[in-house]
Amino acid sequence: MFGGVNAWFASPKKLMACKIDPTLHREKKPDWIRVKLPRDPAFWSTKGLISDLKLHTVCEEAQCPNRWECWSQGTATFMIAGDRCTRACGFCAVKTAKPFALEADEPQRVAEATKRLGLKHVVITAVARDDVADGGAEHFAQTIEAVRAEVEGIVIEILVPDFNGKDEALMSVMKARPHIFNHNLETVERLTPLVRSRAKYDRSLHVLKRAKEMAAELGNRCATKSGLMLGLGETETELFQAMDDLLEHGVTVLTLGQYLRPSPQHLPVVEYVHPDTFENYKEIARKKGFRHVASAPLVRSSYHAADFKPELDVT
């Protein structure tokens, strides 16, 4: 259950089974993959606050290429429930290990950080906690409620694991009334068994659909959001099918970004998708019916998340 990434990914046969050629990985990144190092003092202020409150961020743990920019703007994506994940997804830099116990005061620490940063839009994610009966759902709910109590009028966006498809766990999260519910599909259906350890394509679609249905049942409005990484060997036909599947399950916000290999032990990059292609996909997604689309090589789930105003989602 807590095996490392190598246990999942190391065999070239698994790559070939999903029609990914491991020899296609190119170590040299193209010119459009550029990350600027921090110069703004705000970067160090944000880093210090996160350290002071003993919080984890997906910015650091997942080696997000936008960390320098976001922290320099005084924002970060909080990662709750620890920094040890019970899954070993082939794309993810977050370490796989037996997790520590959930910290009862973590929700309040996230709320305090949100207040001190002056955020108007906060994004909260978490590692997968398959060791906990509800997958950490109640911990999510407590964090949402703590942030709302501490910062009046804030927009709360959550990026959740699939909770193993358990409706009761999902309901506990939705009762906390997040404004934006994000669960990433990550890749196309064919590549899901390789890319996402223990996850299922159909289960992720079910979680997204049920989240929106539950919000309506509770009398709340909640936009649903999902994202995919490109460059893992997907075809355009498969990508467009994934877009259609998301739309059919009520998702109205989409992010598309380039997959970047965290280490030699992770999945190889099959292709570096050109920025013009990302822009083309953005237009196609908008024409298909998504209300908001962020599509560029360095786009990640929470990148410029505040650009989407949940009140625009009227479905």
C-alpha atoms as a PDB file:
ATOM      1  CA  MET A   1       0.000   0.000   0.000  1.00  0.00           C
ATOM      2  CA  PHE A   2       2.824   2.367   0.832  1.00  0.00           C
ATOM      3  CA  GLY A   3       5.235   1.236  -1.871  1.00  0.00           C
ATOM      4  CA  GLY A   4       7.414   3.862  -3.535  1.00  0.00           C
ATOM      5  CA  VAL A   5       6.972   5.233  -7.015  1.00  0.00           C
ATOM      6  CA  ASN A   6       9.460   2.756  -8.432  1.00  0.00           C
ATOM      7  CA  ALA A   7       7.211  -0.131  -7.435  1.00  0.00           C
ATOM      8  CA  TRP A   8       4.543   1.276  -9.708  1.00  0.00           C
ATOM      9  CA  PHE A   9       6.504   2.755 -12.550  1.00  0.00           C
ATOM     10  CA  ALA A  10       9.881   1.099 -13.024  1.00  0.00           C
ATOM     11  CA  SER A  11       8.943  -1.572 -15.571  1.00  0.00           C
ATOM     12  CA  PRO A  12       9.184  -0.454 -19.233  1.00  0.00           C
ATOM     13  CA  LYS A  13       6.474  -3.029 -19.980  1.00  0.00           C
ATOM     14  CA  LYS A  14       3.985  -0.892 -18.095  1.00  0.00           C
ATOM     15  CA  LEU A  15       4.932   2.058 -20.273  1.00  0.00           C
ATOM     16  CA  MET A  16       4.513   0.081 -23.460  1.00  0.00           C
ATOM     17  CA  ALA A  17       1.192  -1.351 -22.291  1.00  0.00           C
ATOM     18  CA  CYS A  18      -0.171   2.180 -22.387  1.00  0.00           C
ATOM     19  CA  LYS A  19       1.679   2.924 -25.635  1.00  0.00           C
ATOM     20  CA  ILE A  20       4.256   5.244 -24.072  1.00  0.00           C
ATOM     21  CA  ASP A  21       7.788   4.875 -25.387  1.00  0.00           C
ATOM     22  CA  PRO A  22      10.222   5.476 -22.476  1.00  0.00           C
ATOM     23  CA  THR A  23      12.966   6.435 -24.935  1.00  0.00           C
ATOM     24  CA  LEU A  24      11.028   9.549 -25.953  1.00  0.00           C
ATOM     25  CA  HIS A  25      11.872  11.471 -22.793  1.00  0.00           C
ATOM     26  CA  ARG A  26      13.994  14.528 -23.567  1.00  0.00           C
ATOM     27  CA  GLU A  27      16.041  15.947 -20.728  1.00  0.00           C
ATOM     28  CA  LYS A  28      16.451  19.351 -22.362  1.00  0.00           C
ATOM     29  CA  LYS A  29      13.394  21.521 -21.924  1.00  0.00           C
ATOM     30  CA  PRO A  30      12.258  23.869 -24.707  1.00  0.00           C
ATOM     31  CA  ASP A  31      12.745  27.621 -24.512  1.00  0.00           C
ATOM     32  CA  TRP A  32       9.152  28.272 -23.481  1.00  0.00           C
ATOM     33  CA  ILE A  33       9.592  26.358 -20.216  1.00  0.00           C
ATOM     34  CA  ARG A  34      11.157  29.158 -18.205  1.00  0.00           C
ATOM     35  CA  VAL A  35      11.013  29.699 -14.449  1.00  0.00           C
ATOM     36  CA  LYS A  36      12.185  32.985 -12.946  1.00  0.00           C
ATOM     37  CA  LEU A  37      13.928  32.899  -9.593  1.00  0.00           C
ATOM     38  CA  PRO A  38      12.495  35.093  -6.828  1.00  0.00           C
ATOM     39  CA  ARG A  39      13.592  38.692  -6.444  1.00  0.00           C
ATOM     40  CA  ASP A  40      10.605  40.186  -4.663  1.00  0.00           C
ATOM     41  CA  PRO A  41      10.970  40.313  -0.858  1.00  0.00           C
ATOM     42  CA  ALA A  42       7.371  39.079  -0.646  1.00  0.00           C
ATOM     43  CA  PHE A  43       8.597  35.630  -1.657  1.00  0.00           C
ATOM     44  CA  TRP A  44      10.672  35.303   1.504  1.00  0.00           C
ATOM     45  CA  SER A  45       7.876  36.764   3.607  1.00  0.00           C
ATOM     46  CA  THR A  46       5.468  34.101   2.311  1.00  0.00           C
ATOM     47  CA  LYS A  47       8.055  31.376   2.840  1.00  0.00           C
ATOM     48  CA  GLY A  48       8.661  32.556   6.382  1.00  0.00           C
ATOM     49  CA  LEU A  49       4.965  32.615   7.256  1.00  0.00           C
ATOM     50  CA  ILE A  50       4.438  29.072   5.973  1.00  0.00           C
ATOM     51  CA  SER A  51       7.444  27.881   7.933  1.00  0.00           C
ATOM     52  CA  ASP A  52       6.362  29.739  11.063  1.00  0.00           C
ATOM     53  CA  LEU A  53       2.929  28.090  11.042  1.00  0.00           C
ATOM     54  CA  LYS A  54       4.436  24.686  10.172  1.00  0.00           C
ATOM     55  CA  LEU A  55       2.279  24.240   7.091  1.00  0.00           C
ATOM     56  CA  HIS A  56       2.802  22.257   3.918  1.00  0.00           C
ATOM     57  CA  THR A  57       2.128  23.603   0.446  1.00  0.00           C
ATOM     58  CA  VAL A  58       1.667  21.791  -2.821  1.00  0.00           C
ATOM     59  CA  CYS A  59       3.918  24.516  -4.234  1.00  0.00           C
ATOM     60  CA  GLU A  60       6.907  22.931  -2.495  1.00  0.00           C
ATOM     61  CA  GLU A  61       5.926  19.292  -2.138  1.00  0.00           C
ATOM     62  CA  ALA A  62       4.874  18.884  -5.786  1.00  0.00           C
ATOM     63  CA  GLN A  63       7.738  21.053  -7.095  1.00  0.00           C
ATOM     64  CA  CYS A  64       5.362  23.478  -8.786  1.00  0.00           C
ATOM     65  CA  PRO A  65       7.191  25.611 -11.385  1.00  0.00           C
ATOM     66  CA  ASN A  66       5.107  28.649 -10.423  1.00  0.00           C
ATOM     67  CA  ARG A  67       6.112  28.716  -6.774  1.00  0.00           C
ATOM     68  CA  TRP A  68       8.455  31.675  -7.271  1.00  0.00           C
ATOM     69  CA  GLU A  69       5.757  33.753  -8.948  1.00  0.00           C
ATOM     70  CA  CYS A  70       2.902  32.850  -6.603  1.00  0.00           C
ATOM     71  CA  TRP A  71       4.859  33.273  -3.379  1.00  0.00           C
ATOM     72  CA  SER A  72       6.192  36.602  -4.635  1.00  0.00           C
ATOM     73  CA  GLN A  73       2.571  37.666  -5.006  1.00  0.00           C
ATOM     74  CA  GLY A  74       1.849  36.605  -1.443  1.00  0.00           C
ATOM     75  CA  THR A  75      -0.237  33.536  -2.217  1.00  0.00           C
ATOM     76  CA  ALA A  76       0.210  29.785  -1.825  1.00  0.00           C
ATOM     77  CA  THR A  77      -1.783  26.553  -2.128  1.00  0.00           C
ATOM     78  CA  PHE A  78      -2.026  24.859   1.239  1.00  0.00           C
ATOM     79  CA  MET A  79      -1.648  21.084   1.411  1.00  0.00           C
ATOM     80  CA  ILE A  80      -3.342  19.596   4.463  1.00  0.00           C
ATOM     81  CA  ALA A  81      -3.301  16.141   6.084  1.00  0.00           C
ATOM     82  CA  GLY A  82       0.485  15.975   6.051  1.00  0.00           C
ATOM     83  CA  ASP A  83       3.126  15.654   3.356  1.00  0.00           C
ATOM     84  CA  ARG A  84       3.042  11.857   3.004  1.00  0.00           C
ATOM     85  CA  CYS A  85       0.701  10.340   0.453  1.00  0.00           C
ATOM     86  CA  THR A  86      -0.679   6.798   0.516  1.00  0.00           C
ATOM     87  CA  ARG A  87      -0.576   6.597  -3.277  1.00  0.00           C
ATOM     88  CA  ALA A  88       2.362   6.457  -5.656  1.00  0.00           C
ATOM     89  CA  CYS A  89       1.210   8.221  -8.788  1.00  0.00           C
ATOM     90  CA  GLY A  90       3.746   8.119 -11.599  1.00  0.00           C
ATOM     91  CA  PHE A  91       3.702  11.878 -12.186  1.00  0.00           C
ATOM     92  CA  CYS A  92       3.703  13.291  -8.660  1.00  0.00           C
ATOM     93  CA  ALA A  93       6.659  14.559  -6.618  1.00  0.00           C
ATOM     94  CA  VAL A  94       4.861  14.278  -3.272  1.00  0.00           C
ATOM     95  CA  LYS A  95       6.523  11.488  -1.310  1.00  0.00           C
ATOM     96  CA  THR A  96       4.787   8.174  -0.757  1.00  0.00           C
ATOM     97  CA  ALA A  97       5.073   6.856   2.803  1.00  0.00           C
ATOM     98  CA  LYS A  98       3.017   5.801   5.780  1.00  0.00           C
ATOM     99  CA  PRO A  99       1.410   9.065   6.968  1.00  0.00           C
ATOM    100  CA  PHE A 100       1.511  10.538  10.426  1.00  0.00           C
ATOM    101  CA  ALA A 101      -1.679  11.168  12.395  1.00  0.00           C
ATOM    102  CA  LEU A 102      -3.833  14.115  11.339  1.00  0.00           C
ATOM    103  CA  GLU A 103      -3.042  17.285  13.266  1.00  0.00           C
ATOM    104  CA  ALA A 104      -6.105  18.619  15.071  1.00  0.00           C
ATOM    105  CA  ASP A 105      -4.900  22.229  14.994  1.00  0.00           C
ATOM    106  CA  GLU A 106      -3.955  22.264  11.306  1.00  0.00           C
ATOM    107  CA  PRO A 107      -7.302  23.730  10.126  1.00  0.00           C
ATOM    108  CA  GLN A 108      -6.822  26.741  12.390  1.00  0.00           C
ATOM    109  CA  ARG A 109      -3.216  27.195  11.267  1.00  0.00           C
ATOM    110  CA  VAL A 110      -4.361  27.263   7.636  1.00  0.00           C
ATOM    111  CA  ALA A 111      -7.001  29.820   8.570  1.00  0.00           C
ATOM    112  CA  GLU A 112      -4.391  31.948  10.338  1.00  0.00           C
ATOM    113  CA  ALA A 113      -2.073  31.824   7.324  1.00  0.00           C
ATOM    114  CA  THR A 114      -4.947  32.767   5.010  1.00  0.00           C
ATOM    115  CA  LYS A 115      -5.739  35.771   7.192  1.00  0.00           C
ATOM    116  CA  ARG A 116      -2.131  36.915   7.539  1.00  0.00           C
ATOM    117  CA  LEU A 117      -1.562  36.673   3.778  1.00  0.00           C
ATOM    118  CA  GLY A 118      -4.665  38.758   3.158  1.00  0.00           C
ATOM    119  CA  LEU A 119      -6.061  36.245   0.690  1.00  0.00           C
ATOM    120  CA  LYS A 120      -9.434  36.792  -0.942  1.00  0.00           C
ATOM    121  CA  HIS A 121      -9.298  33.427  -2.720  1.00  0.00           C
ATOM    122  CA  VAL A 122      -7.680  30.426  -1.036  1.00  0.00           C
ATOM    123  CA  VAL A 123      -6.896  27.031  -2.536  1.00  0.00           C
ATOM    124  CA  ILE A 124      -6.652  24.040  -0.205  1.00  0.00           C
ATOM    125  CA  THR A 125      -5.536  20.596  -1.323  1.00  0.00           C
ATOM    126  CA  ALA A 126      -4.387  17.429   0.438  1.00  0.00           C
ATOM    127  CA  VAL A 127      -2.480  14.209   0.046  1.00  0.00           C
ATOM    128  CA  ALA A 128      -4.489  11.022  -0.417  1.00  0.00           C
ATOM    129  CA  ARG A 129      -5.172   9.475   2.997  1.00  0.00           C
ATOM    130  CA  ASP A 130      -6.340   5.948   2.251  1.00  0.00           C
ATOM    131  CA  ASP A 131      -5.234   5.014   5.762  1.00  0.00           C
ATOM    132  CA  VAL A 132      -8.139   7.022   7.221  1.00  0.00           C
ATOM    133  CA  ALA A 133     -11.686   5.674   6.950  1.00  0.00           C
ATOM    134  CA  ASP A 134     -13.088   8.829   5.322  1.00  0.00           C
ATOM    135  CA  GLY A 135      -9.953   9.613   3.318  1.00  0.00           C
ATOM    136  CA  GLY A 136      -9.467  12.798   5.316  1.00  0.00           C
ATOM    137  CA  ALA A 137     -12.816  14.286   4.297  1.00  0.00           C
ATOM    138  CA  GLU A 138     -13.782  15.535   7.759  1.00  0.00           C
ATOM    139  CA  HIS A 139     -10.361  17.174   8.102  1.00  0.00           C
ATOM    140  CA  PHE A 140     -11.071  18.989   4.835  1.00  0.00           C
ATOM    141  CA  ALA A 141     -14.446  20.124   6.144  1.00  0.00           C
ATOM    142  CA  GLN A 142     -12.919  21.424   9.377  1.00  0.00           C
ATOM    143  CA  THR A 143     -10.329  23.383   7.412  1.00  0.00           C
ATOM    144  CA  ILE A 144     -12.958  24.978   5.180  1.00  0.00           C
ATOM    145  CA  GLU A 145     -15.012  25.977   8.194  1.00  0.00           C
ATOM    146  CA  ALA A 146     -11.989  27.374  10.042  1.00  0.00           C
ATOM    147  CA  VAL A 147     -10.984  29.536   7.073  1.00  0.00           C
ATOM    148  CA  ARG A 148     -14.518  30.837   6.587  1.00  0.00           C
ATOM    149  CA  ALA A 149     -14.777  31.745  10.270  1.00  0.00           C
ATOM    150  CA  GLU A 150     -11.432  33.578  10.205  1.00  0.00           C
ATOM    151  CA  VAL A 151     -11.709  35.469   6.892  1.00  0.00           C
ATOM    152  CA  GLU A 152     -15.058  37.001   6.036  1.00  0.00           C
ATOM    153  CA  GLY A 153     -16.124  36.870   2.391  1.00  0.00           C
ATOM    154  CA  ILE A 154     -13.252  34.688   1.200  1.00  0.00           C
ATOM    155  CA  VAL A 155     -13.675  32.404  -1.823  1.00  0.00           C
ATOM    156  CA  ILE A 156     -12.712  28.858  -0.837  1.00  0.00           C
ATOM    157  CA  GLU A 157     -11.478  26.476  -3.502  1.00  0.00           C
ATOM    158  CA  ILE A 158     -10.604  22.890  -2.660  1.00  0.00           C
ATOM    159  CA  LEU A 159      -8.626  20.359  -4.681  1.00  0.00           C
ATOM    160  CA  VAL A 160      -9.496  16.942  -3.313  1.00  0.00           C
ATOM    161  CA  PRO A 161      -8.535  13.282  -3.777  1.00  0.00           C
ATOM    162  CA  ASP A 162     -11.287  10.870  -4.766  1.00  0.00           C
ATOM    163  CA  PHE A 163     -12.044   9.612  -1.218  1.00  0.00           C
ATOM    164  CA  ASN A 164     -12.247   6.175  -2.879  1.00  0.00           C
ATOM    165  CA  GLY A 165     -15.588   7.218  -4.332  1.00  0.00           C
ATOM    166  CA  LYS A 166     -17.368   7.178  -0.951  1.00  0.00           C
ATOM    167  CA  ASP A 167     -20.421   9.419  -1.106  1.00  0.00           C
ATOM    168  CA  GLU A 168     -20.606   9.812   2.671  1.00  0.00           C
ATOM    169  CA  ALA A 169     -17.069  11.220   2.758  1.00  0.00           C
ATOM    170  CA  LEU A 170     -17.808  13.546  -0.136  1.00  0.00           C
ATOM    171  CA  MET A 171     -20.983  14.755   1.549  1.00  0.00           C
ATOM    172  CA  SER A 172     -19.096  15.778   4.671  1.00  0.00           C
ATOM    173  CA  VAL A 173     -16.907  18.010   2.499  1.00  0.00           C
ATOM    174  CA  MET A 174     -19.817  19.497   0.577  1.00  0.00           C
ATOM    175  CA  LYS A 175     -21.668  20.328   3.793  1.00  0.00           C
ATOM    176  CA  ALA A 176     -18.806  22.740   4.556  1.00  0.00           C
ATOM    177  CA  ARG A 177     -19.878  24.722   1.467  1.00  0.00           C
ATOM    178  CA  PRO A 178     -16.755  25.232  -0.662  1.00  0.00           C
ATOM    179  CA  HIS A 179     -17.244  27.680  -3.522  1.00  0.00           C
ATOM    180  CA  ILE A 180     -15.137  25.744  -6.028  1.00  0.00           C
ATOM    181  CA  PHE A 181     -14.710  21.967  -5.975  1.00  0.00           C
ATOM    182  CA  ASN A 182     -11.704  20.737  -7.920  1.00  0.00           C
ATOM    183  CA  HIS A 183     -10.754  17.134  -8.552  1.00  0.00           C
ATOM    184  CA  ASN A 184      -8.231  16.518 -11.301  1.00  0.00           C
ATOM    185  CA  LEU A 185      -8.766  13.932 -13.988  1.00  0.00           C
ATOM    186  CA  GLU A 186      -5.017  14.374 -14.643  1.00  0.00           C
ATOM    187  CA  THR A 187      -4.912  12.422 -17.915  1.00  0.00           C
ATOM    188  CA  VAL A 188      -6.989  10.658 -20.541  1.00  0.00           C
ATOM    189  CA  GLU A 189      -8.786   7.384 -19.873  1.00  0.00           C
ATOM    190  CA  ARG A 190      -6.228   5.103 -21.583  1.00  0.00           C
ATOM    191  CA  LEU A 191      -3.317   6.456 -19.544  1.00  0.00           C
ATOM    192  CA  THR A 192      -5.066   6.586 -16.183  1.00  0.00           C
ATOM    193  CA  PRO A 193      -3.880   3.135 -14.961  1.00  0.00           C
ATOM    194  CA  LEU A 194      -0.270   4.183 -15.561  1.00  0.00           C
ATOM    195  CA  VAL A 195      -0.390   7.802 -14.429  1.00  0.00           C
ATOM    196  CA  ARG A 196      -2.642   7.675 -11.368  1.00  0.00           C
ATOM    197  CA  SER A 197      -1.965   4.979  -8.807  1.00  0.00           C
ATOM    198  CA  ARG A 198      -5.194   3.402  -7.499  1.00  0.00           C
ATOM    199  CA  ALA A 199      -7.349   6.041  -9.186  1.00  0.00           C
ATOM    200  CA  LYS A 200     -10.040   5.285 -11.736  1.00  0.00           C
ATOM    201  CA  TYR A 201     -11.154   7.487 -14.604  1.00  0.00           C
ATOM    202  CA  ASP A 202     -14.864   6.777 -14.142  1.00  0.00           C
ATOM    203  CA  ARG A 203     -14.633   7.200 -10.378  1.00  0.00           C
ATOM    204  CA  SER A 204     -13.134  10.663 -10.772  1.00  0.00           C
ATOM    205  CA  LEU A 205     -15.962  11.660 -13.098  1.00  0.00           C
ATOM    206  CA  HIS A 206     -18.453  10.290 -10.564  1.00  0.00           C
ATOM    207  CA  VAL A 207     -16.884  12.354  -7.755  1.00  0.00           C
ATOM    208  CA  LEU A 208     -17.126  15.536  -9.819  1.00  0.00           C
ATOM    209  CA  LYS A 209     -20.742  14.882 -10.765  1.00  0.00           C
ATOM    210  CA  ARG A 210     -21.825  13.960  -7.237  1.00  0.00           C
ATOM    211  CA  ALA A 211     -20.118  17.003  -5.730  1.00  0.00           C
ATOM    212  CA  LYS A 212     -22.240  19.289  -7.872  1.00  0.00           C
ATOM    213  CA  GLU A 213     -25.379  17.280  -7.209  1.00  0.00           C
ATOM    214  CA  MET A 214     -24.743  17.349  -3.462  1.00  0.00           C
ATOM    215  CA  ALA A 215     -24.214  21.103  -3.479  1.00  0.00           C
ATOM    216  CA  ALA A 216     -27.597  21.511  -5.164  1.00  0.00           C
ATOM    217  CA  GLU A 217     -29.246  19.118  -2.703  1.00  0.00           C
ATOM    218  CA  LEU A 218     -27.868  21.227   0.140  1.00  0.00           C
ATOM    219  CA  GLY A 219     -29.110  24.448  -1.435  1.00  0.00           C
ATOM    220  CA  ASN A 220     -25.602  25.701  -2.237  1.00  0.00           C
ATOM    221  CA  ARG A 221     -23.904  26.807  -5.424  1.00  0.00           C
ATOM    222  CA  CYS A 222     -20.560  25.270  -6.181  1.00  0.00           C
ATOM    223  CA  ALA A 223     -18.548  25.362  -9.384  1.00  0.00           C
ATOM    224  CA  THR A 224     -16.749  22.161 -10.336  1.00  0.00           C
ATOM    225  CA  LYS A 225     -13.285  22.201 -11.837  1.00  0.00           C
ATOM    226  CA  SER A 226     -10.791  19.697 -13.195  1.00  0.00           C
ATOM    227  CA  GLY A 227      -7.417  19.614 -14.891  1.00  0.00           C
ATOM    228  CA  LEU A 228      -5.297  17.526 -17.216  1.00  0.00           C
ATOM    229  CA  MET A 229      -1.565  17.285 -17.840  1.00  0.00           C
ATOM    230  CA  LEU A 230      -0.421  17.144 -21.442  1.00  0.00           C
ATOM    231  CA  GLY A 231       2.672  15.563 -22.903  1.00  0.00           C
ATOM    232  CA  LEU A 232       2.229  12.079 -21.436  1.00  0.00           C
ATOM    233  CA  GLY A 233       1.416  10.444 -24.757  1.00  0.00           C
ATOM    234  CA  GLU A 234      -2.270  11.315 -25.095  1.00  0.00           C
ATOM    235  CA  THR A 235      -3.768  11.882 -28.536  1.00  0.00           C
ATOM    236  CA  GLU A 236      -5.916  14.872 -29.451  1.00  0.00           C
ATOM    237  CA  THR A 237      -8.900  12.584 -29.906  1.00  0.00           C
ATOM    238  CA  GLU A 238      -8.429  11.262 -26.371  1.00  0.00           C
ATOM    239  CA  LEU A 239      -8.005  14.770 -24.974  1.00  0.00           C
ATOM    240  CA  PHE A 240     -11.178  16.014 -26.628  1.00  0.00           C
ATOM    241  CA  GLN A 241     -13.055  12.961 -25.333  1.00  0.00           C
ATOM    242  CA  ALA A 242     -11.862  13.771 -21.807  1.00  0.00           C
ATOM    243  CA  MET A 243     -13.156  17.325 -22.251  1.00  0.00           C
ATOM    244  CA  ASP A 244     -16.531  15.981 -23.365  1.00  0.00           C
ATOM    245  CA  ASP A 245     -16.646  13.548 -20.439  1.00  0.00           C
ATOM    246  CA  LEU A 246     -15.990  16.367 -17.975  1.00  0.00           C
ATOM    247  CA  LEU A 247     -18.704  18.535 -19.505  1.00  0.00           C
ATOM    248  CA  GLU A 248     -21.172  15.649 -19.372  1.00  0.00           C
ATOM    249  CA  HIS A 249     -20.457  15.366 -15.646  1.00  0.00           C
ATOM    250  CA  GLY A 250     -21.121  19.028 -14.925  1.00  0.00           C
ATOM    251  CA  VAL A 251     -17.575  20.426 -14.885  1.00  0.00           C
ATOM    252  CA  THR A 252     -17.361  24.023 -16.069  1.00  0.00           C
ATOM    253  CA  VAL A 253     -13.774  25.065 -15.238  1.00  0.00           C
ATOM    254  CA  LEU A 254     -10.774  23.418 -16.918  1.00  0.00           C
ATOM    255  CA  THR A 255      -7.008  23.699 -16.557  1.00  0.00           C
ATOM    256  CA  LEU A 256      -4.503  22.314 -19.061  1.00  0.00           C
ATOM    257  CA  GLY A 257      -0.750  22.308 -18.421  1.00  0.00           C
ATOM    258  CA  GLN A 258       2.462  20.649 -19.482  1.00  0.00           C
ATOM    259  CA  TYR A 259       3.600  17.598 -17.525  1.00  0.00           C
ATOM    260  CA  LEU A 260       7.139  18.094 -16.206  1.00  0.00           C
ATOM    261  CA  ARG A 261       9.079  15.120 -14.900  1.00  0.00           C
ATOM    262  CA  PRO A 262      10.003  15.608 -11.220  1.00  0.00           C
ATOM    263  CA  SER A 263      12.790  13.018 -11.234  1.00  0.00           C
ATOM    264  CA  PRO A 264      14.193  10.096 -13.266  1.00  0.00           C
ATOM    265  CA  GLN A 265      12.000   7.775 -11.186  1.00  0.00           C
ATOM    266  CA  HIS A 266       8.822   9.389 -12.538  1.00  0.00           C
ATOM    267  CA  LEU A 267       7.043   9.063 -15.851  1.00  0.00           C
ATOM    268  CA  PRO A 268       8.974  10.436 -18.824  1.00  0.00           C
ATOM    269  CA  VAL A 269       7.840  13.410 -20.850  1.00  0.00           C
ATOM    270  CA  VAL A 270       6.694  12.109 -24.219  1.00  0.00           C
ATOM    271  CA  GLU A 271       6.152  15.543 -25.760  1.00  0.00           C
ATOM    272  CA  TYR A 272       6.597  19.203 -24.891  1.00  0.00           C
ATOM    273  CA  VAL A 273       3.423  20.778 -26.197  1.00  0.00           C
ATOM    274  CA  HIS A 274       3.918  24.147 -27.897  1.00  0.00           C
ATOM    275  CA  PRO A 275       2.239  27.223 -26.348  1.00  0.00           C
ATOM    276  CA  ASP A 276       0.302  27.809 -29.581  1.00  0.00           C
ATOM    277  CA  THR A 277      -1.214  24.337 -29.243  1.00  0.00           C
ATOM    278  CA  PHE A 278      -2.242  25.099 -25.665  1.00  0.00           C
ATOM    279  CA  GLU A 279      -3.924  28.268 -26.889  1.00  0.00           C
ATOM    280  CA  ASN A 280      -5.737  26.278 -29.572  1.00  0.00           C
ATOM    281  CA  TYR A 281      -6.945  23.776 -26.980  1.00  0.00           C
ATOM    282  CA  LYS A 282      -8.203  26.658 -24.870  1.00  0.00           C
ATOM    283  CA  GLU A 283     -10.358  27.923 -27.721  1.00  0.00           C
ATOM    284  CA  ILE A 284     -11.661  24.426 -28.453  1.00  0.00           C
ATOM    285  CA  ALA A 285     -12.545  23.899 -24.786  1.00  0.00           C
ATOM    286  CA  ARG A 286     -14.369  27.229 -24.636  1.00  0.00           C
ATOM    287  CA  LYS A 287     -16.348  26.363 -27.769  1.00  0.00           C
ATOM    288  CA  LYS A 288     -17.242  23.000 -26.289  1.00  0.00           C
ATOM    289  CA  GLY A 289     -18.856  24.768 -23.341  1.00  0.00           C
ATOM    290  CA  PHE A 290     -16.371  25.320 -20.502  1.00  0.00           C
ATOM    291  CA  ARG A 291     -16.996  28.664 -18.807  1.00  0.00           C
ATOM    292  CA  HIS A 292     -13.385  29.256 -17.810  1.00  0.00           C
ATOM    293  CA  VAL A 293     -10.239  27.667 -19.239  1.00  0.00           C
ATOM    294  CA  ALA A 294      -6.607  28.165 -18.253  1.00  0.00           C
ATOM    295  CA  SER A 295      -4.308  26.540 -20.796  1.00  0.00           C
ATOM    296  CA  ALA A 296      -0.553  27.082 -21.095  1.00  0.00           C
ATOM    297  CA  PRO A 297       2.634  25.081 -20.480  1.00  0.00           C
ATOM    298  CA  LEU A 298       3.098  26.227 -16.874  1.00  0.00           C
ATOM    299  CA  VAL A 299      -0.572  26.241 -15.889  1.00  0.00           C
ATOM    300  CA  ARG A 300      -1.330  24.175 -12.803  1.00  0.00           C
ATOM    301  CA  SER A 301      -4.588  23.556 -10.949  1.00  0.00           C
ATOM    302  CA  SER A 302      -4.302  26.581  -8.687  1.00  0.00           C
ATOM    303  CA  TYR A 303      -2.343  28.899 -10.999  1.00  0.00           C
ATOM    304  CA  HIS A 304      -4.113  32.270 -11.052  1.00  0.00           C
ATOM    305  CA  ALA A 305      -7.084  30.480  -9.515  1.00  0.00           C
ATOM    306  CA  ALA A 306      -8.687  33.766  -8.493  1.00  0.00           C
ATOM    307  CA  ASP A 307      -9.146  34.678 -12.161  1.00  0.00           C
ATOM    308  CA  PHE A 308     -12.268  32.531 -12.125  1.00  0.00           C
ATOM    309  CA  LYS A 309     -15.161  34.063 -10.236  1.00  0.00           C
ATOM    310  CA  PRO A 310     -17.486  31.288  -9.032  1.00  0.00           C
ATOM    311  CA  GLU A 311     -20.530  33.511  -9.459  1.00  0.00           C
ATOM    312  CA  LEU A 312     -19.994  33.191 -13.224  1.00  0.00           C
ATOM    313  CA  ASP A 313     -20.904  29.511 -12.979  1.00  0.00           C
ATOM    314  CA  VAL A 314     -24.670  29.565 -13.414  1.00  0.00           C
ATOM    315  CA  THR A 315     -25.355  25.884 -14.107  1.00  0.00           C
END
